[in-house]
Amino acid sequence: MNTAPQSGAARAVTGWSVAGLVLLVPSVVMAWLAVVSTPRGGNCLMYGEECSTVPHEALEGCFWFALAVGLLALVWPRTRWTGARTGTVLVQWGAQLTLIALILSGA
């Protein structure tokens, strides 16, 4: 077992991965609140009219993909393939931002 301390870059990647996982649910909730607070979102909520055309499968897929990739980056060995681990965190954040953009596009 390698007990060497983490490098600064590995610690930063871990921090970004944890931040993405912690912010995933609150950012989705805030995006939905922003959508529902618009007149179009209110009509969709109350009357089922003018609802977003974004398929729910796309939203769910982005959510679960961001969660899975974030967990993968979190459990990835810190000293192996640091570049690939960094790329995984970038994919995680990309999926999260895509999810938020898809939700807000229905506003």
PDB file of N, CA and C in Angstrom:
ATOM      1  N   MET A   1       0.849  -1.179   0.000  1.00  0.00           N
ATOM      2  CA  MET A   1       0.000   0.000   0.000  1.00  0.00           C
ATOM      3  C   MET A   1       0.891   1.238   0.000  1.00  0.00           C
ATOM      4  N   ASN A   2       0.591   2.143  -0.840  1.00  0.00           N
ATOM      5  CA  ASN A   2       1.346   3.390  -0.948  1.00  0.00           C
ATOM      6  C   ASN A   2       0.729   4.422  -0.020  1.00  0.00           C
ATOM      7  N   THR A   3       1.481   4.857   0.976  1.00  0.00           N
ATOM      8  CA  THR A   3       0.970   5.832   1.940  1.00  0.00           C
ATOM      9  C   THR A   3       1.538   7.221   1.699  1.00  0.00           C
ATOM     10  N   ALA A   4       2.016   7.460   0.501  1.00  0.00           N
ATOM     11  CA  ALA A   4       2.553   8.785   0.173  1.00  0.00           C
ATOM     12  C   ALA A   4       1.430   9.813   0.201  1.00  0.00           C
ATOM     13  N   PRO A   5       1.727  11.030   0.660  1.00  0.00           N
ATOM     14  CA  PRO A   5       0.684  12.054   0.693  1.00  0.00           C
ATOM     15  C   PRO A   5       0.248  12.435  -0.716  1.00  0.00           C
ATOM     16  N   GLN A   6      -0.993  12.859  -0.822  1.00  0.00           N
ATOM     17  CA  GLN A   6      -1.524  13.271  -2.119  1.00  0.00           C
ATOM     18  C   GLN A   6      -0.813  14.526  -2.601  1.00  0.00           C
ATOM     19  N   SER A   7      -0.643  14.597  -3.899  1.00  0.00           N
ATOM     20  CA  SER A   7      -0.082  15.811  -4.464  1.00  0.00           C
ATOM     21  C   SER A   7      -1.153  16.891  -4.485  1.00  0.00           C
ATOM     22  N   GLY A   8      -0.734  18.123  -4.705  1.00  0.00           N
ATOM     23  CA  GLY A   8      -1.686  19.231  -4.758  1.00  0.00           C
ATOM     24  C   GLY A   8      -2.691  19.066  -5.880  1.00  0.00           C
ATOM     25  N   ALA A   9      -2.241  18.557  -7.029  1.00  0.00           N
ATOM     26  CA  ALA A   9      -3.150  18.368  -8.164  1.00  0.00           C
ATOM     27  C   ALA A   9      -4.186  17.290  -7.858  1.00  0.00           C
ATOM     28  N   ALA A  10      -3.765  16.195  -7.227  1.00  0.00           N
ATOM     29  CA  ALA A  10      -4.709  15.118  -6.894  1.00  0.00           C
ATOM     30  C   ALA A  10      -5.731  15.608  -5.877  1.00  0.00           C
ATOM     31  N   ARG A  11      -5.282  16.406  -4.936  1.00  0.00           N
ATOM     32  CA  ARG A  11      -6.196  16.963  -3.938  1.00  0.00           C
ATOM     33  C   ARG A  11      -7.202  17.913  -4.586  1.00  0.00           C
ATOM     34  N   ALA A  12      -6.744  18.700  -5.546  1.00  0.00           N
ATOM     35  CA  ALA A  12      -7.630  19.636  -6.237  1.00  0.00           C
ATOM     36  C   ALA A  12      -8.682  18.885  -7.057  1.00  0.00           C
ATOM     37  N   VAL A  13      -8.279  17.815  -7.734  1.00  0.00           N
ATOM     38  CA  VAL A  13      -9.221  17.022  -8.517  1.00  0.00           C
ATOM     39  C   VAL A  13     -10.260  16.398  -7.593  1.00  0.00           C
ATOM     40  N   THR A  14      -9.822  15.894  -6.451  1.00  0.00           N
ATOM     41  CA  THR A  14     -10.763  15.336  -5.474  1.00  0.00           C
ATOM     42  C   THR A  14     -11.730  16.414  -4.994  1.00  0.00           C
ATOM     43  N   GLY A  15     -11.227  17.594  -4.730  1.00  0.00           N
ATOM     44  CA  GLY A  15     -12.076  18.699  -4.283  1.00  0.00           C
ATOM     45  C   GLY A  15     -13.131  19.068  -5.306  1.00  0.00           C
ATOM     46  N   TRP A  16     -12.743  19.123  -6.576  1.00  0.00           N
ATOM     47  CA  TRP A  16     -13.704  19.460  -7.627  1.00  0.00           C
ATOM     48  C   TRP A  16     -14.750  18.362  -7.803  1.00  0.00           C
ATOM     49  N   SER A  17     -14.321  17.119  -7.648  1.00  0.00           N
ATOM     50  CA  SER A  17     -15.266  16.007  -7.745  1.00  0.00           C
ATOM     51  C   SER A  17     -16.278  16.052  -6.611  1.00  0.00           C
ATOM     52  N   VAL A  18     -15.801  16.272  -5.397  1.00  0.00           N
ATOM     53  CA  VAL A  18     -16.691  16.358  -4.234  1.00  0.00           C
ATOM     54  C   VAL A  18     -17.628  17.557  -4.374  1.00  0.00           C
ATOM     55  N   ALA A  19     -17.093  18.688  -4.818  1.00  0.00           N
ATOM     56  CA  ALA A  19     -17.933  19.883  -4.994  1.00  0.00           C
ATOM     57  C   ALA A  19     -19.044  19.617  -6.004  1.00  0.00           C
ATOM     58  N   GLY A  20     -18.720  18.934  -7.087  1.00  0.00           N
ATOM     59  CA  GLY A  20     -19.739  18.617  -8.080  1.00  0.00           C
ATOM     60  C   GLY A  20     -20.818  17.700  -7.517  1.00  0.00           C
ATOM     61  N   LEU A  21     -20.407  16.708  -6.741  1.00  0.00           N
ATOM     62  CA  LEU A  21     -21.387  15.797  -6.155  1.00  0.00           C
ATOM     63  C   LEU A  21     -22.258  16.500  -5.122  1.00  0.00           C
ATOM     64  N   VAL A  22     -21.665  17.364  -4.332  1.00  0.00           N
ATOM     65  CA  VAL A  22     -22.430  18.083  -3.307  1.00  0.00           C
ATOM     66  C   VAL A  22     -23.404  19.067  -3.949  1.00  0.00           C
ATOM     67  N   LEU A  23     -23.013  19.684  -5.043  1.00  0.00           N
ATOM     68  CA  LEU A  23     -23.846  20.703  -5.681  1.00  0.00           C
ATOM     69  C   LEU A  23     -24.847  20.149  -6.693  1.00  0.00           C
ATOM     70  N   LEU A  24     -24.799  18.854  -6.980  1.00  0.00           N
ATOM     71  CA  LEU A  24     -25.662  18.297  -8.009  1.00  0.00           C
ATOM     72  C   LEU A  24     -27.143  18.478  -7.684  1.00  0.00           C
ATOM     73  N   VAL A  25     -27.587  17.993  -6.554  1.00  0.00           N
ATOM     74  CA  VAL A  25     -29.011  18.081  -6.211  1.00  0.00           C
ATOM     75  C   VAL A  25     -29.450  19.529  -5.967  1.00  0.00           C
ATOM     76  N   PRO A  26     -28.703  20.336  -5.190  1.00  0.00           N
ATOM     77  CA  PRO A  26     -29.149  21.722  -5.003  1.00  0.00           C
ATOM     78  C   PRO A  26     -29.235  22.521  -6.306  1.00  0.00           C
ATOM     79  N   SER A  27     -28.321  22.286  -7.237  1.00  0.00           N
ATOM     80  CA  SER A  27     -28.385  23.027  -8.499  1.00  0.00           C
ATOM     81  C   SER A  27     -29.584  22.589  -9.335  1.00  0.00           C
ATOM     82  N   VAL A  28     -29.932  21.315  -9.297  1.00  0.00           N
ATOM     83  CA  VAL A  28     -31.107  20.841 -10.027  1.00  0.00           C
ATOM     84  C   VAL A  28     -32.377  21.430  -9.414  1.00  0.00           C
ATOM     85  N   VAL A  29     -32.449  21.443  -8.089  1.00  0.00           N
ATOM     86  CA  VAL A  29     -33.619  22.015  -7.414  1.00  0.00           C
ATOM     87  C   VAL A  29     -33.750  23.501  -7.735  1.00  0.00           C
ATOM     88  N   MET A  30     -32.653  24.230  -7.681  1.00  0.00           N
ATOM     89  CA  MET A  30     -32.699  25.667  -7.973  1.00  0.00           C
ATOM     90  C   MET A  30     -33.093  25.924  -9.435  1.00  0.00           C
ATOM     91  N   ALA A  31     -32.607  25.093 -10.346  1.00  0.00           N
ATOM     92  CA  ALA A  31     -32.978  25.265 -11.756  1.00  0.00           C
ATOM     93  C   ALA A  31     -34.471  25.014 -11.944  1.00  0.00           C
ATOM     94  N   TRP A  32     -35.015  23.973 -11.294  1.00  0.00           N
ATOM     95  CA  TRP A  32     -36.455  23.710 -11.408  1.00  0.00           C
ATOM     96  C   TRP A  32     -37.264  24.838 -10.794  1.00  0.00           C
ATOM     97  N   LEU A  33     -36.805  25.375  -9.669  1.00  0.00           N
ATOM     98  CA  LEU A  33     -37.510  26.512  -9.070  1.00  0.00           C
ATOM     99  C   LEU A  33     -37.506  27.714 -10.002  1.00  0.00           C
ATOM    100  N   ALA A  34     -36.396  27.936 -10.681  1.00  0.00           N
ATOM    101  CA  ALA A  34     -36.323  29.040 -11.635  1.00  0.00           C
ATOM    102  C   ALA A  34     -37.293  28.819 -12.795  1.00  0.00           C
ATOM    103  N   VAL A  35     -37.414  27.587 -13.254  1.00  0.00           N
ATOM    104  CA  VAL A  35     -38.324  27.289 -14.364  1.00  0.00           C
ATOM    105  C   VAL A  35     -39.778  27.448 -13.926  1.00  0.00           C
ATOM    106  N   VAL A  36     -40.113  26.934 -12.754  1.00  0.00           N
ATOM    107  CA  VAL A  36     -41.501  26.980 -12.282  1.00  0.00           C
ATOM    108  C   VAL A  36     -41.935  28.407 -11.974  1.00  0.00           C
ATOM    109  N   SER A  37     -40.991  29.277 -11.656  1.00  0.00           N
ATOM    110  CA  SER A  37     -41.347  30.651 -11.313  1.00  0.00           C
ATOM    111  C   SER A  37     -41.661  31.521 -12.532  1.00  0.00           C
ATOM    112  N   THR A  38     -41.453  31.007 -13.732  1.00  0.00           N
ATOM    113  CA  THR A  38     -41.778  31.768 -14.934  1.00  0.00           C
ATOM    114  C   THR A  38     -43.247  31.548 -15.294  1.00  0.00           C
ATOM    115  N   PRO A  39     -43.839  32.453 -16.071  1.00  0.00           N
ATOM    116  CA  PRO A  39     -45.240  32.236 -16.486  1.00  0.00           C
ATOM    117  C   PRO A  39     -45.436  30.927 -17.255  1.00  0.00           C
ATOM    118  N   ARG A  40     -44.495  30.617 -18.119  1.00  0.00           N
ATOM    119  CA  ARG A  40     -44.595  29.364 -18.881  1.00  0.00           C
ATOM    120  C   ARG A  40     -44.519  28.157 -17.948  1.00  0.00           C
ATOM    121  N   GLY A  41     -43.609  28.202 -16.978  1.00  0.00           N
ATOM    122  CA  GLY A  41     -43.490  27.110 -16.015  1.00  0.00           C
ATOM    123  C   GLY A  41     -44.726  26.985 -15.146  1.00  0.00           C
ATOM    124  N   GLY A  42     -45.317  28.125 -14.786  1.00  0.00           N
ATOM    125  CA  GLY A  42     -46.554  28.108 -14.003  1.00  0.00           C
ATOM    126  C   GLY A  42     -47.702  27.491 -14.778  1.00  0.00           C
ATOM    127  N   ASN A  43     -47.798  27.826 -16.076  1.00  0.00           N
ATOM    128  CA  ASN A  43     -48.838  27.223 -16.921  1.00  0.00           C
ATOM    129  C   ASN A  43     -48.646  25.719 -17.049  1.00  0.00           C
ATOM    130  N   CYS A  44     -47.410  25.298 -17.153  1.00  0.00           N
ATOM    131  CA  CYS A  44     -47.133  23.868 -17.258  1.00  0.00           C
ATOM    132  C   CYS A  44     -47.515  23.167 -15.958  1.00  0.00           C
ATOM    133  N   LEU A  45     -47.162  23.777 -14.843  1.00  0.00           N
ATOM    134  CA  LEU A  45     -47.451  23.171 -13.546  1.00  0.00           C
ATOM    135  C   LEU A  45     -48.948  23.123 -13.251  1.00  0.00           C
ATOM    136  N   MET A  46     -49.645  24.202 -13.549  1.00  0.00           N
ATOM    137  CA  MET A  46     -51.060  24.291 -13.189  1.00  0.00           C
ATOM    138  C   MET A  46     -51.989  23.643 -14.223  1.00  0.00           C
ATOM    139  N   TYR A  47     -51.704  23.860 -15.511  1.00  0.00           N
ATOM    140  CA  TYR A  47     -52.644  23.437 -16.547  1.00  0.00           C
ATOM    141  C   TYR A  47     -52.082  22.386 -17.508  1.00  0.00           C
ATOM    142  N   GLY A  48     -50.790  22.092 -17.404  1.00  0.00           N
ATOM    143  CA  GLY A  48     -50.192  21.137 -18.335  1.00  0.00           C
ATOM    144  C   GLY A  48     -49.998  21.701 -19.724  1.00  0.00           C
ATOM    145  N   GLU A  49     -49.961  23.028 -19.846  1.00  0.00           N
ATOM    146  CA  GLU A  49     -49.788  23.698 -21.136  1.00  0.00           C
ATOM    147  C   GLU A  49     -48.393  24.313 -21.216  1.00  0.00           C
ATOM    148  N   GLU A  50     -47.889  24.449 -22.424  1.00  0.00           N
ATOM    149  CA  GLU A  50     -46.605  25.102 -22.694  1.00  0.00           C
ATOM    150  C   GLU A  50     -45.448  24.445 -21.941  1.00  0.00           C
ATOM    151  N   CYS A  51     -45.510  23.150 -21.751  1.00  0.00           N
ATOM    152  CA  CYS A  51     -44.433  22.455 -21.039  1.00  0.00           C
ATOM    153  C   CYS A  51     -43.202  22.303 -21.934  1.00  0.00           C
ATOM    154  N   SER A  52     -42.089  22.057 -21.320  1.00  0.00           N
ATOM    155  CA  SER A  52     -40.835  21.900 -22.033  1.00  0.00           C
ATOM    156  C   SER A  52     -40.886  20.698 -22.964  1.00  0.00           C
ATOM    157  N   THR A  53     -40.192  20.808 -24.070  1.00  0.00           N
ATOM    158  CA  THR A  53     -40.140  19.693 -25.022  1.00  0.00           C
ATOM    159  C   THR A  53     -38.921  18.807 -24.781  1.00  0.00           C
ATOM    160  N   VAL A  54     -38.136  19.116 -23.759  1.00  0.00           N
ATOM    161  CA  VAL A  54     -36.967  18.292 -23.440  1.00  0.00           C
ATOM    162  C   VAL A  54     -37.473  16.979 -22.834  1.00  0.00           C
ATOM    163  N   PRO A  55     -37.084  15.846 -23.398  1.00  0.00           N
ATOM    164  CA  PRO A  55     -37.561  14.572 -22.857  1.00  0.00           C
ATOM    165  C   PRO A  55     -37.026  14.328 -21.439  1.00  0.00           C
ATOM    166  N   HIS A  56     -37.869  13.768 -20.602  1.00  0.00           N
ATOM    167  CA  HIS A  56     -37.460  13.485 -19.225  1.00  0.00           C
ATOM    168  C   HIS A  56     -36.326  12.462 -19.173  1.00  0.00           C
ATOM    169  N   GLU A  57     -36.263  11.599 -20.171  1.00  0.00           N
ATOM    170  CA  GLU A  57     -35.186  10.617 -20.216  1.00  0.00           C
ATOM    171  C   GLU A  57     -33.832  11.292 -20.364  1.00  0.00           C
ATOM    172  N   ALA A  58     -33.782  12.385 -21.105  1.00  0.00           N
ATOM    173  CA  ALA A  58     -32.527  13.122 -21.266  1.00  0.00           C
ATOM    174  C   ALA A  58     -32.109  13.751 -19.945  1.00  0.00           C
ATOM    175  N   LEU A  59     -33.067  14.303 -19.222  1.00  0.00           N
ATOM    176  CA  LEU A  59     -32.762  14.908 -17.926  1.00  0.00           C
ATOM    177  C   LEU A  59     -32.298  13.856 -16.933  1.00  0.00           C
ATOM    178  N   GLU A  60     -33.030  12.758 -16.858  1.00  0.00           N
ATOM    179  CA  GLU A  60     -32.647  11.686 -15.937  1.00  0.00           C
ATOM    180  C   GLU A  60     -31.298  11.089 -16.320  1.00  0.00           C
ATOM    181  N   GLY A  61     -31.077  10.923 -17.608  1.00  0.00           N
ATOM    182  CA  GLY A  61     -29.804  10.380 -18.074  1.00  0.00           C
ATOM    183  C   GLY A  61     -28.629  11.263 -17.697  1.00  0.00           C
ATOM    184  N   CYS A  62     -28.776  12.575 -17.889  1.00  0.00           N
ATOM    185  CA  CYS A  62     -27.699  13.504 -17.511  1.00  0.00           C
ATOM    186  C   CYS A  62     -27.456  13.474 -16.002  1.00  0.00           C
ATOM    187  N   PHE A  63     -28.533  13.410 -15.222  1.00  0.00           N
ATOM    188  CA  PHE A  63     -28.393  13.383 -13.766  1.00  0.00           C
ATOM    189  C   PHE A  63     -27.630  12.138 -13.318  1.00  0.00           C
ATOM    190  N   TRP A  64     -28.081  10.972 -13.761  1.00  0.00           N
ATOM    191  CA  TRP A  64     -27.434   9.732 -13.321  1.00  0.00           C
ATOM    192  C   TRP A  64     -26.024   9.604 -13.870  1.00  0.00           C
ATOM    193  N   PHE A  65     -25.794  10.102 -15.092  1.00  0.00           N
ATOM    194  CA  PHE A  65     -24.450  10.062 -15.661  1.00  0.00           C
ATOM    195  C   PHE A  65     -23.502  10.948 -14.858  1.00  0.00           C
ATOM    196  N   ALA A  66     -23.949  12.170 -14.509  1.00  0.00           N
ATOM    197  CA  ALA A  66     -23.103  13.068 -13.709  1.00  0.00           C
ATOM    198  C   ALA A  66     -22.809  12.447 -12.353  1.00  0.00           C
ATOM    199  N   LEU A  67     -23.790  11.823 -11.740  1.00  0.00           N
ATOM    200  CA  LEU A  67     -23.587  11.183 -10.443  1.00  0.00           C
ATOM    201  C   LEU A  67     -22.604  10.022 -10.555  1.00  0.00           C
ATOM    202  N   ALA A  68     -22.780   9.176 -11.552  1.00  0.00           N
ATOM    203  CA  ALA A  68     -21.903   8.014 -11.717  1.00  0.00           C
ATOM    204  C   ALA A  68     -20.467   8.424 -12.013  1.00  0.00           C
ATOM    205  N   VAL A  69     -20.302   9.388 -12.903  1.00  0.00           N
ATOM    206  CA  VAL A  69     -18.947   9.828 -13.259  1.00  0.00           C
ATOM    207  C   VAL A  69     -18.284  10.532 -12.066  1.00  0.00           C
ATOM    208  N   GLY A  70     -19.067  11.295 -11.307  1.00  0.00           N
ATOM    209  CA  GLY A  70     -18.525  11.938 -10.115  1.00  0.00           C
ATOM    210  C   GLY A  70     -18.065  10.929  -9.081  1.00  0.00           C
ATOM    211  N   LEU A  71     -18.856   9.886  -8.879  1.00  0.00           N
ATOM    212  CA  LEU A  71     -18.449   8.836  -7.936  1.00  0.00           C
ATOM    213  C   LEU A  71     -17.228   8.086  -8.447  1.00  0.00           C
ATOM    214  N   LEU A  72     -17.164   7.855  -9.755  1.00  0.00           N
ATOM    215  CA  LEU A  72     -15.989   7.212 -10.336  1.00  0.00           C
ATOM    216  C   LEU A  72     -14.736   8.044 -10.086  1.00  0.00           C
ATOM    217  N   ALA A  73     -14.834   9.339 -10.306  1.00  0.00           N
ATOM    218  CA  ALA A  73     -13.679  10.212 -10.081  1.00  0.00           C
ATOM    219  C   ALA A  73     -13.293  10.248  -8.608  1.00  0.00           C
ATOM    220  N   LEU A  74     -14.269  10.108  -7.737  1.00  0.00           N
ATOM    221  CA  LEU A  74     -14.001  10.153  -6.299  1.00  0.00           C
ATOM    222  C   LEU A  74     -13.288   8.898  -5.819  1.00  0.00           C
ATOM    223  N   VAL A  75     -13.663   7.737  -6.344  1.00  0.00           N
ATOM    224  CA  VAL A  75     -13.052   6.491  -5.876  1.00  0.00           C
ATOM    225  C   VAL A  75     -11.827   6.081  -6.697  1.00  0.00           C
ATOM    226  N   TRP A  76     -11.544   6.816  -7.756  1.00  0.00           N
ATOM    227  CA  TRP A  76     -10.389   6.526  -8.599  1.00  0.00           C
ATOM    228  C   TRP A  76      -9.128   6.626  -7.752  1.00  0.00           C
ATOM    229  N   PRO A  77      -8.171   5.695  -7.900  1.00  0.00           N
ATOM    230  CA  PRO A  77      -6.905   5.810  -7.154  1.00  0.00           C
ATOM    231  C   PRO A  77      -6.208   7.144  -7.452  1.00  0.00           C
ATOM    232  N   ARG A  78      -5.812   7.820  -6.396  1.00  0.00           N
ATOM    233  CA  ARG A  78      -5.288   9.186  -6.514  1.00  0.00           C
ATOM    234  C   ARG A  78      -3.984   9.281  -7.309  1.00  0.00           C
ATOM    235  N   THR A  79      -3.184   8.227  -7.256  1.00  0.00           N
ATOM    236  CA  THR A  79      -1.864   8.306  -7.878  1.00  0.00           C
ATOM    237  C   THR A  79      -1.807   7.681  -9.264  1.00  0.00           C
ATOM    238  N   ARG A  80      -2.903   7.078  -9.726  1.00  0.00           N
ATOM    239  CA  ARG A  80      -2.891   6.433 -11.036  1.00  0.00           C
ATOM    240  C   ARG A  80      -3.635   7.275 -12.055  1.00  0.00           C
ATOM    241  N   TRP A  81      -3.068   7.395 -13.193  1.00  0.00           N
ATOM    242  CA  TRP A  81      -3.708   8.045 -14.341  1.00  0.00           C
ATOM    243  C   TRP A  81      -4.364   9.366 -13.954  1.00  0.00           C
ATOM    244  N   THR A  82      -3.583  10.240 -13.413  1.00  0.00           N
ATOM    245  CA  THR A  82      -4.105  11.517 -12.932  1.00  0.00           C
ATOM    246  C   THR A  82      -4.768  12.306 -14.059  1.00  0.00           C
ATOM    247  N   GLY A  83      -4.219  12.226 -15.244  1.00  0.00           N
ATOM    248  CA  GLY A  83      -4.815  12.935 -16.376  1.00  0.00           C
ATOM    249  C   GLY A  83      -6.202  12.407 -16.713  1.00  0.00           C
ATOM    250  N   ALA A  84      -6.355  11.100 -16.688  1.00  0.00           N
ATOM    251  CA  ALA A  84      -7.668  10.513 -16.968  1.00  0.00           C
ATOM    252  C   ALA A  84      -8.649  10.851 -15.853  1.00  0.00           C
ATOM    253  N   ARG A  85      -8.168  10.900 -14.638  1.00  0.00           N
ATOM    254  CA  ARG A  85      -9.041  11.263 -13.511  1.00  0.00           C
ATOM    255  C   ARG A  85      -9.494  12.717 -13.642  1.00  0.00           C
ATOM    256  N   THR A  86      -8.601  13.577 -14.061  1.00  0.00           N
ATOM    257  CA  THR A  86      -8.960  14.974 -14.298  1.00  0.00           C
ATOM    258  C   THR A  86     -10.003  15.071 -15.409  1.00  0.00           C
ATOM    259  N   GLY A  87      -9.815  14.299 -16.469  1.00  0.00           N
ATOM    260  CA  GLY A  87     -10.795  14.277 -17.551  1.00  0.00           C
ATOM    261  C   GLY A  87     -12.154  13.779 -17.083  1.00  0.00           C
ATOM    262  N   THR A  88     -12.148  12.828 -16.165  1.00  0.00           N
ATOM    263  CA  THR A  88     -13.403  12.321 -15.622  1.00  0.00           C
ATOM    264  C   THR A  88     -14.152  13.406 -14.866  1.00  0.00           C
ATOM    265  N   VAL A  89     -13.429  14.208 -14.105  1.00  0.00           N
ATOM    266  CA  VAL A  89     -14.067  15.307 -13.376  1.00  0.00           C
ATOM    267  C   VAL A  89     -14.598  16.357 -14.354  1.00  0.00           C
ATOM    268  N   LEU A  90     -13.876  16.611 -15.427  1.00  0.00           N
ATOM    269  CA  LEU A  90     -14.366  17.549 -16.437  1.00  0.00           C
ATOM    270  C   LEU A  90     -15.638  17.025 -17.097  1.00  0.00           C
ATOM    271  N   VAL A  91     -15.699  15.723 -17.353  1.00  0.00           N
ATOM    272  CA  VAL A  91     -16.913  15.130 -17.915  1.00  0.00           C
ATOM    273  C   VAL A  91     -18.062  15.242 -16.910  1.00  0.00           C
ATOM    274  N   GLN A  92     -17.762  15.023 -15.627  1.00  0.00           N
ATOM    275  CA  GLN A  92     -18.773  15.157 -14.584  1.00  0.00           C
ATOM    276  C   GLN A  92     -19.379  16.556 -14.594  1.00  0.00           C
ATOM    277  N   TRP A  93     -18.523  17.575 -14.584  1.00  0.00           N
ATOM    278  CA  TRP A  93     -19.020  18.954 -14.582  1.00  0.00           C
ATOM    279  C   TRP A  93     -19.738  19.288 -15.885  1.00  0.00           C
ATOM    280  N   GLY A  94     -19.253  18.742 -16.995  1.00  0.00           N
ATOM    281  CA  GLY A  94     -19.937  18.966 -18.273  1.00  0.00           C
ATOM    282  C   GLY A  94     -21.340  18.390 -18.272  1.00  0.00           C
ATOM    283  N   ALA A  95     -21.497  17.193 -17.699  1.00  0.00           N
ATOM    284  CA  ALA A  95     -22.826  16.577 -17.617  1.00  0.00           C
ATOM    285  C   ALA A  95     -23.736  17.384 -16.698  1.00  0.00           C
ATOM    286  N   GLN A  96     -23.190  17.880 -15.599  1.00  0.00           N
ATOM    287  CA  GLN A  96     -23.997  18.686 -14.678  1.00  0.00           C
ATOM    288  C   GLN A  96     -24.443  19.987 -15.328  1.00  0.00           C
ATOM    289  N   LEU A  97     -23.542  20.657 -16.003  1.00  0.00           N
ATOM    290  CA  LEU A  97     -23.892  21.918 -16.654  1.00  0.00           C
ATOM    291  C   LEU A  97     -24.868  21.690 -17.799  1.00  0.00           C
ATOM    292  N   THR A  98     -24.728  20.575 -18.506  1.00  0.00           N
ATOM    293  CA  THR A  98     -25.678  20.234 -19.556  1.00  0.00           C
ATOM    294  C   THR A  98     -27.059  19.994 -18.969  1.00  0.00           C
ATOM    295  N   LEU A  99     -27.111  19.293 -17.842  1.00  0.00           N
ATOM    296  CA  LEU A  99     -28.387  19.046 -17.176  1.00  0.00           C
ATOM    297  C   LEU A  99     -29.064  20.349 -16.773  1.00  0.00           C
ATOM    298  N   ILE A 100     -28.312  21.258 -16.183  1.00  0.00           N
ATOM    299  CA  ILE A 100     -28.873  22.539 -15.770  1.00  0.00           C
ATOM    300  C   ILE A 100     -29.351  23.338 -16.983  1.00  0.00           C
ATOM    301  N   ALA A 101     -28.567  23.308 -18.054  1.00  0.00           N
ATOM    302  CA  ALA A 101     -28.961  24.019 -19.270  1.00  0.00           C
ATOM    303  C   ALA A 101     -30.230  23.425 -19.871  1.00  0.00           C
ATOM    304  N   LEU A 102     -30.368  22.107 -19.848  1.00  0.00           N
ATOM    305  CA  LEU A 102     -31.577  21.468 -20.368  1.00  0.00           C
ATOM    306  C   LEU A 102     -32.787  21.846 -19.527  1.00  0.00           C
ATOM    307  N   ILE A 103     -32.625  21.882 -18.225  1.00  0.00           N
ATOM    308  CA  ILE A 103     -33.745  22.264 -17.353  1.00  0.00           C
ATOM    309  C   ILE A 103     -34.136  23.710 -17.619  1.00  0.00           C
ATOM    310  N   LEU A 104     -33.162  24.594 -17.666  1.00  0.00           N
ATOM    311  CA  LEU A 104     -33.455  26.017 -17.870  1.00  0.00           C
ATOM    312  C   LEU A 104     -33.970  26.322 -19.266  1.00  0.00           C
ATOM    313  N   SER A 105     -33.701  25.452 -20.233  1.00  0.00           N
ATOM    314  CA  SER A 105     -34.211  25.695 -21.576  1.00  0.00           C
ATOM    315  C   SER A 105     -35.718  25.522 -21.646  1.00  0.00           C
ATOM    316  N   GLY A 106     -36.306  24.903 -20.643  1.00  0.00           N
ATOM    317  CA  GLY A 106     -37.744  24.760 -20.608  1.00  0.00           C
ATOM    318  C   GLY A 106     -38.453  25.937 -19.971  1.00  0.00           C
ATOM    319  N   ALA A 107     -37.717  26.946 -19.557  1.00  0.00           N
ATOM    320  CA  ALA A 107     -38.322  28.111 -18.881  1.00  0.00           C
ATOM    321  C   ALA A 107     -39.059  28.994 -19.850  1.00  0.00           C
TER     322      ALA A 107
END
